[in-house]
Amino acid sequence: MSRTVETIISPSLFSQIEYLDQKIVVVIDVLRATSTLCTILANGASSVMTVGDIEHAKALKDEGYLVGGERGGMTVDGFNFGNSPLEYTEKLVADKDLVLTTTNGTKCIDMAKGAKELLIGSFLNLSSICDHIDDMESNVVLLCAGWKDRVNLEDSLLAGAICHELNGDYEFDDASLLCQSSYFIAEDDLFRHMQQSSHFQRLSGHGLDKDIEYCCQIDVLSVLPVLKNSRIVNY
């Protein structure tokens, strides 16, 4: 029996998902929350707690946590880090418990916490995500964070890449097929195609081109971030 893959190209459509507790959800926020989460764990952090609002994050910082976050792409004043994966070096995060809050990605993690399993996806750990899904006997939801509930190019491209790389008997919904078609066009030069996206322009305007180039790399990390006991940890 084939497994289903549903792609949610905007969080505003997530309420349409049925039987969430029986499905694996992969949260996708390529620029930059899920890429950053993968990097934090790859650099040895023990866990990351994702929270939805700045005040909660500030309270946790007062308790001694290292805290990162952004709003509108800009670092939150007073936090230890922003949302750039390049900030979270092994020297700073190894064996630490961190907190992260972002405009789009952490909201989606909270939305999907009732899933059978919640994974964090990026181009950086594409094969780790796909290999794990292939090994599981579960239907899958690819949840694209987008930008303030609007569809964005980069998350749709990663959803398409995941669909393309899966091995086995899968039934893809129309949104998944659309994302695959977009990925086939862009796969030979992701960075160039990303330059067409509105979020690329937004981040580039803040001088974050190096972040974008980093997030376009495929399979440079072997981590598999998963939500366990309200924290993101390596599988």
Foldseek 3Di string as FASTA:
>chain_A
DAAEEEEDQFPVCVVVDPPQAQAEEEEEDLVPQLVLLLLLQLLAAAWEFEDADDVVQVVVVVVPAQEEEDELLDTDPPHNYYGFSVVNHSVNGHHGYHYYYYQFRSVVCVVSVSHNWYWYDALQALVLVQVVVLVDPGHYYYYYRDGPRDGKLRSLLSLLVSVVPHDDGYDYDPSNVVSVVSNVVCVVPVLVVNCVIPVVVSNVVVVCSVSSVVRPHHHNGNFIWIDDPSITHTD
